[in-house]
Amino acid sequence: MKQIPRERKILSIAIWLHDYYEQFAKEVGWQTQKGTSVSFEDLPEKNVKTMLLLAEVVMNKMDYRCQSNDKEWRKKMREDLEYCYRYGDLNQETYRRFLKKYKLSNEYSEEK
């Protein structure tokens, strides 16, 4: 399988963080700044840079934690993946790829 470039992963996480932040803000009645209540592509340049830096930290932290032997964290990661898969946020292929990448498939059952 073709490897996704690191920069593309960071961009994807940044977009995901922005979109969910805006969605959740609306759900709880929080009014975000006028200039940031737009699609990721229309964000001010400094906001985009900030989101990309945050996304890189998130990605690095996940990679570090997933490669550690922190069993509680790995169990939580597995539960979160199962939840996302069960409720349609991840398709089966992506779900299994995450399990394999983070070596979670042998620790717990793979059943839905």
N, C-alpha and C. Protein backbone atom coordinates (compact mmCIF):
# COMPACT_ATOMS: atom_id res chain seq x y z
N MET A 1 0.84 -1.18 0.00
CA MET A 1 0.00 0.00 0.00
C MET A 1 0.88 1.24 0.00
N LYS A 2 0.49 2.24 -0.78
CA LYS A 2 1.26 3.47 -0.92
C LYS A 2 1.24 4.27 0.39
N GLN A 3 2.40 4.76 0.80
CA GLN A 3 2.54 5.54 2.02
C GLN A 3 2.09 6.98 1.77
N ILE A 4 1.28 7.52 2.68
CA ILE A 4 0.83 8.90 2.57
C ILE A 4 1.95 9.81 3.07
N PRO A 5 2.29 10.84 2.30
CA PRO A 5 3.35 11.76 2.73
C PRO A 5 3.01 12.43 4.07
N ARG A 6 4.02 12.63 4.88
CA ARG A 6 3.85 13.22 6.21
C ARG A 6 3.10 14.55 6.14
N GLU A 7 3.43 15.41 5.19
CA GLU A 7 2.79 16.71 5.08
C GLU A 7 1.29 16.57 4.81
N ARG A 8 0.93 15.57 4.03
CA ARG A 8 -0.48 15.34 3.73
C ARG A 8 -1.22 14.87 4.98
N LYS A 9 -0.57 14.03 5.79
CA LYS A 9 -1.18 13.58 7.04
C LYS A 9 -1.43 14.77 7.96
N ILE A 10 -0.43 15.63 8.07
CA ILE A 10 -0.56 16.81 8.94
C ILE A 10 -1.70 17.70 8.45
N LEU A 11 -1.77 17.93 7.15
CA LEU A 11 -2.84 18.75 6.59
C LEU A 11 -4.20 18.11 6.87
N SER A 12 -4.32 16.81 6.70
CA SER A 12 -5.59 16.13 6.94
C SER A 12 -6.02 16.26 8.39
N ILE A 13 -5.08 16.12 9.32
CA ILE A 13 -5.41 16.27 10.74
C ILE A 13 -5.82 17.70 11.04
N ALA A 14 -5.12 18.68 10.46
CA ALA A 14 -5.46 20.10 10.69
C ALA A 14 -6.88 20.40 10.21
N ILE A 15 -7.23 19.91 9.05
CA ILE A 15 -8.58 20.13 8.51
C ILE A 15 -9.60 19.46 9.42
N TRP A 16 -9.32 18.25 9.82
CA TRP A 16 -10.20 17.51 10.71
C TRP A 16 -10.41 18.25 12.03
N LEU A 17 -9.32 18.73 12.63
CA LEU A 17 -9.43 19.48 13.89
C LEU A 17 -10.28 20.74 13.71
N HIS A 18 -10.02 21.48 12.65
CA HIS A 18 -10.78 22.71 12.39
C HIS A 18 -12.26 22.41 12.20
N ASP A 19 -12.56 21.44 11.36
CA ASP A 19 -13.96 21.12 11.07
C ASP A 19 -14.71 20.69 12.32
N TYR A 20 -14.10 19.82 13.13
CA TYR A 20 -14.76 19.37 14.34
C TYR A 20 -14.88 20.49 15.37
N TYR A 21 -13.89 21.34 15.47
CA TYR A 21 -13.97 22.47 16.39
C TYR A 21 -15.17 23.36 16.04
N GLU A 22 -15.31 23.67 14.77
CA GLU A 22 -16.42 24.50 14.33
C GLU A 22 -17.76 23.79 14.56
N GLN A 23 -17.81 22.51 14.26
CA GLN A 23 -19.05 21.74 14.46
C GLN A 23 -19.45 21.72 15.93
N PHE A 24 -18.49 21.39 16.80
CA PHE A 24 -18.80 21.30 18.22
C PHE A 24 -19.14 22.67 18.81
N ALA A 25 -18.47 23.70 18.34
CA ALA A 25 -18.78 25.06 18.81
C ALA A 25 -20.25 25.39 18.53
N LYS A 26 -20.72 25.06 17.33
CA LYS A 26 -22.12 25.30 16.99
C LYS A 26 -23.05 24.49 17.88
N GLU A 27 -22.68 23.22 18.12
CA GLU A 27 -23.53 22.35 18.93
C GLU A 27 -23.71 22.85 20.35
N VAL A 28 -22.68 23.49 20.90
CA VAL A 28 -22.78 23.97 22.29
C VAL A 28 -23.13 25.44 22.37
N GLY A 29 -23.36 26.08 21.22
CA GLY A 29 -23.75 27.47 21.21
C GLY A 29 -22.60 28.46 21.35
N TRP A 30 -21.40 28.03 21.01
CA TRP A 30 -20.22 28.89 21.09
C TRP A 30 -20.04 29.60 19.76
N GLN A 31 -19.93 30.93 19.80
CA GLN A 31 -19.72 31.72 18.58
C GLN A 31 -18.22 31.89 18.38
N THR A 32 -17.68 31.24 17.37
CA THR A 32 -16.25 31.39 17.08
C THR A 32 -16.02 32.70 16.34
N GLN A 33 -14.77 33.09 16.20
CA GLN A 33 -14.45 34.34 15.54
C GLN A 33 -14.95 34.33 14.10
N LYS A 34 -15.36 35.49 13.66
CA LYS A 34 -15.93 35.61 12.31
C LYS A 34 -14.96 35.11 11.23
N GLY A 35 -13.70 35.44 11.34
CA GLY A 35 -12.72 35.05 10.33
C GLY A 35 -12.36 33.58 10.34
N THR A 36 -12.71 32.87 11.44
CA THR A 36 -12.37 31.45 11.52
C THR A 36 -13.57 30.54 11.33
N SER A 37 -14.75 31.10 11.23
CA SER A 37 -15.97 30.31 11.01
C SER A 37 -16.17 30.06 9.52
N VAL A 38 -15.11 29.63 8.88
CA VAL A 38 -15.11 29.39 7.44
C VAL A 38 -14.47 28.03 7.18
N SER A 39 -14.49 27.59 5.93
CA SER A 39 -13.81 26.33 5.60
C SER A 39 -12.31 26.50 5.82
N PHE A 40 -11.62 25.40 5.98
CA PHE A 40 -10.18 25.45 6.25
C PHE A 40 -9.43 26.23 5.17
N GLU A 41 -9.83 26.05 3.93
CA GLU A 41 -9.16 26.70 2.81
C GLU A 41 -9.28 28.23 2.87
N ASP A 42 -10.32 28.72 3.56
CA ASP A 42 -10.56 30.16 3.63
C ASP A 42 -10.08 30.79 4.94
N LEU A 43 -9.42 30.01 5.77
CA LEU A 43 -8.90 30.54 7.04
C LEU A 43 -7.78 31.56 6.78
N PRO A 44 -7.62 32.52 7.68
CA PRO A 44 -6.46 33.42 7.59
C PRO A 44 -5.16 32.62 7.66
N GLU A 45 -4.13 33.10 7.02
CA GLU A 45 -2.86 32.38 6.92
C GLU A 45 -2.29 31.99 8.28
N LYS A 46 -2.33 32.90 9.24
CA LYS A 46 -1.77 32.59 10.57
C LYS A 46 -2.58 31.51 11.28
N ASN A 47 -3.87 31.47 11.04
CA ASN A 47 -4.69 30.43 11.63
C ASN A 47 -4.36 29.08 11.01
N VAL A 48 -4.16 29.05 9.70
CA VAL A 48 -3.77 27.80 9.02
C VAL A 48 -2.44 27.31 9.59
N LYS A 49 -1.47 28.20 9.73
CA LYS A 49 -0.16 27.80 10.28
C LYS A 49 -0.31 27.25 11.69
N THR A 50 -1.15 27.89 12.50
CA THR A 50 -1.38 27.42 13.86
C THR A 50 -1.99 26.02 13.86
N MET A 51 -2.99 25.80 13.00
CA MET A 51 -3.65 24.50 12.93
C MET A 51 -2.68 23.42 12.44
N LEU A 52 -1.81 23.77 11.51
CA LEU A 52 -0.83 22.80 11.02
C LEU A 52 0.17 22.42 12.11
N LEU A 53 0.58 23.39 12.91
CA LEU A 53 1.50 23.11 14.03
C LEU A 53 0.81 22.22 15.06
N LEU A 54 -0.43 22.53 15.38
CA LEU A 54 -1.19 21.71 16.33
C LEU A 54 -1.35 20.29 15.79
N ALA A 55 -1.69 20.17 14.53
CA ALA A 55 -1.87 18.85 13.91
C ALA A 55 -0.59 18.03 13.96
N GLU A 56 0.54 18.68 13.75
CA GLU A 56 1.82 17.96 13.80
C GLU A 56 2.09 17.45 15.21
N VAL A 57 1.78 18.26 16.21
CA VAL A 57 1.96 17.82 17.61
C VAL A 57 1.06 16.63 17.90
N VAL A 58 -0.19 16.71 17.47
CA VAL A 58 -1.14 15.61 17.70
C VAL A 58 -0.63 14.33 17.04
N MET A 59 -0.20 14.44 15.79
CA MET A 59 0.29 13.27 15.07
C MET A 59 1.53 12.68 15.75
N ASN A 60 2.46 13.53 16.13
CA ASN A 60 3.67 13.04 16.80
C ASN A 60 3.34 12.37 18.13
N LYS A 61 2.43 12.95 18.88
CA LYS A 61 2.04 12.38 20.17
C LYS A 61 1.38 11.02 19.97
N MET A 62 0.50 10.92 18.97
CA MET A 62 -0.15 9.63 18.70
C MET A 62 0.88 8.58 18.31
N ASP A 63 1.78 8.94 17.41
CA ASP A 63 2.79 7.99 16.98
C ASP A 63 3.66 7.53 18.14
N TYR A 64 4.05 8.46 19.01
CA TYR A 64 4.88 8.11 20.16
C TYR A 64 4.12 7.19 21.11
N ARG A 65 2.89 7.57 21.45
CA ARG A 65 2.12 6.77 22.40
C ARG A 65 1.81 5.39 21.84
N CYS A 66 1.52 5.31 20.55
CA CYS A 66 1.17 4.03 19.94
C CYS A 66 2.36 3.08 19.90
N GLN A 67 3.55 3.63 19.88
CA GLN A 67 4.73 2.79 19.84
C GLN A 67 5.26 2.48 21.23
N SER A 68 4.64 3.05 22.24
CA SER A 68 5.07 2.79 23.61
C SER A 68 4.37 1.53 24.13
N ASN A 69 4.68 1.15 25.33
CA ASN A 69 4.05 -0.02 25.94
C ASN A 69 3.00 0.38 26.96
N ASP A 70 2.41 1.54 26.80
CA ASP A 70 1.38 2.04 27.70
C ASP A 70 0.08 1.27 27.42
N LYS A 71 -0.15 0.20 28.16
CA LYS A 71 -1.29 -0.68 27.88
C LYS A 71 -2.64 0.01 28.06
N GLU A 72 -2.75 0.86 29.06
CA GLU A 72 -4.02 1.57 29.26
C GLU A 72 -4.32 2.48 28.09
N TRP A 73 -3.30 3.20 27.62
CA TRP A 73 -3.52 4.09 26.49
C TRP A 73 -3.87 3.30 25.23
N ARG A 74 -3.16 2.19 25.03
CA ARG A 74 -3.43 1.36 23.86
C ARG A 74 -4.84 0.78 23.91
N LYS A 75 -5.29 0.40 25.09
CA LYS A 75 -6.66 -0.11 25.25
C LYS A 75 -7.66 0.99 24.90
N LYS A 76 -7.43 2.20 25.38
CA LYS A 76 -8.32 3.33 25.09
C LYS A 76 -8.32 3.62 23.59
N MET A 77 -7.16 3.58 22.97
CA MET A 77 -7.06 3.81 21.53
C MET A 77 -7.91 2.78 20.78
N ARG A 78 -7.79 1.54 21.19
CA ARG A 78 -8.56 0.46 20.55
C ARG A 78 -10.06 0.70 20.71
N GLU A 79 -10.48 1.08 21.91
CA GLU A 79 -11.89 1.36 22.16
C GLU A 79 -12.39 2.52 21.31
N ASP A 80 -11.58 3.57 21.20
CA ASP A 80 -11.96 4.72 20.38
C ASP A 80 -12.09 4.34 18.91
N LEU A 81 -11.16 3.52 18.42
CA LEU A 81 -11.23 3.06 17.03
C LEU A 81 -12.48 2.23 16.80
N GLU A 82 -12.79 1.35 17.74
CA GLU A 82 -13.99 0.52 17.61
C GLU A 82 -15.25 1.38 17.58
N TYR A 83 -15.27 2.40 18.42
CA TYR A 83 -16.42 3.30 18.46
C TYR A 83 -16.58 4.01 17.11
N CYS A 84 -15.48 4.55 16.58
CA CYS A 84 -15.53 5.26 15.29
C CYS A 84 -15.96 4.33 14.17
N TYR A 85 -15.47 3.09 14.21
CA TYR A 85 -15.84 2.11 13.19
C TYR A 85 -17.33 1.75 13.30
N ARG A 86 -17.76 1.50 14.51
CA ARG A 86 -19.14 1.09 14.75
C ARG A 86 -20.13 2.16 14.29
N TYR A 87 -19.79 3.43 14.50
CA TYR A 87 -20.72 4.51 14.17
C TYR A 87 -20.42 5.19 12.84
N GLY A 88 -19.60 4.55 12.00
CA GLY A 88 -19.45 4.99 10.63
C GLY A 88 -18.40 6.05 10.36
N ASP A 89 -17.62 6.45 11.37
CA ASP A 89 -16.57 7.44 11.12
C ASP A 89 -15.37 6.83 10.42
N LEU A 90 -15.22 5.52 10.50
CA LEU A 90 -14.13 4.81 9.81
C LEU A 90 -14.74 3.67 9.01
N ASN A 91 -14.24 3.48 7.79
CA ASN A 91 -14.68 2.30 7.05
C ASN A 91 -13.82 1.11 7.50
N GLN A 92 -14.20 -0.08 7.09
CA GLN A 92 -13.52 -1.29 7.56
C GLN A 92 -12.04 -1.31 7.19
N GLU A 93 -11.73 -0.88 5.98
CA GLU A 93 -10.33 -0.89 5.54
C GLU A 93 -9.48 0.04 6.40
N THR A 94 -9.97 1.25 6.64
CA THR A 94 -9.23 2.21 7.46
C THR A 94 -9.10 1.70 8.89
N TYR A 95 -10.17 1.15 9.42
CA TYR A 95 -10.18 0.58 10.78
C TYR A 95 -9.09 -0.48 10.92
N ARG A 96 -9.06 -1.41 9.99
CA ARG A 96 -8.06 -2.49 10.06
C ARG A 96 -6.64 -1.97 9.86
N ARG A 97 -6.50 -0.94 9.00
CA ARG A 97 -5.18 -0.34 8.80
C ARG A 97 -4.66 0.29 10.09
N PHE A 98 -5.53 0.99 10.82
CA PHE A 98 -5.14 1.57 12.10
C PHE A 98 -4.75 0.48 13.11
N LEU A 99 -5.56 -0.58 13.15
CA LEU A 99 -5.25 -1.67 14.07
C LEU A 99 -3.88 -2.27 13.78
N LYS A 100 -3.60 -2.46 12.50
CA LYS A 100 -2.32 -3.04 12.11
C LYS A 100 -1.17 -2.07 12.39
N LYS A 101 -1.33 -0.80 11.99
CA LYS A 101 -0.27 0.19 12.15
C LYS A 101 0.13 0.32 13.62
N TYR A 102 -0.87 0.37 14.49
CA TYR A 102 -0.57 0.58 15.91
C TYR A 102 -0.51 -0.72 16.69
N LYS A 103 -0.46 -1.83 15.95
CA LYS A 103 -0.30 -3.16 16.54
C LYS A 103 -1.32 -3.43 17.64
N LEU A 104 -2.57 -3.15 17.33
CA LEU A 104 -3.65 -3.34 18.29
C LEU A 104 -4.49 -4.57 17.99
N SER A 105 -4.34 -5.13 16.79
CA SER A 105 -5.24 -6.20 16.37
C SER A 105 -5.09 -7.49 17.17
N ASN A 106 -3.93 -7.74 17.75
CA ASN A 106 -3.76 -8.97 18.51
C ASN A 106 -4.04 -8.82 19.99
N GLU A 107 -4.26 -7.59 20.44
CA GLU A 107 -4.47 -7.37 21.87
C GLU A 107 -5.91 -7.58 22.30
N TYR A 108 -6.84 -7.29 21.41
CA TYR A 108 -8.26 -7.38 21.71
C TYR A 108 -8.96 -7.97 20.50
N SER A 109 -10.19 -8.37 20.66
CA SER A 109 -10.91 -8.96 19.53
C SER A 109 -11.14 -7.92 18.44
N GLU A 110 -11.21 -8.39 17.19
CA GLU A 110 -11.42 -7.48 16.07
C GLU A 110 -12.90 -7.39 15.72
N GLU A 111 -13.74 -8.04 16.45
CA GLU A 111 -15.17 -8.04 16.11
C GLU A 111 -15.78 -6.68 16.35
N LYS A 112 -16.74 -6.38 15.53
CA LYS A 112 -17.48 -5.13 15.57
C LYS A 112 -18.38 -5.07 16.78
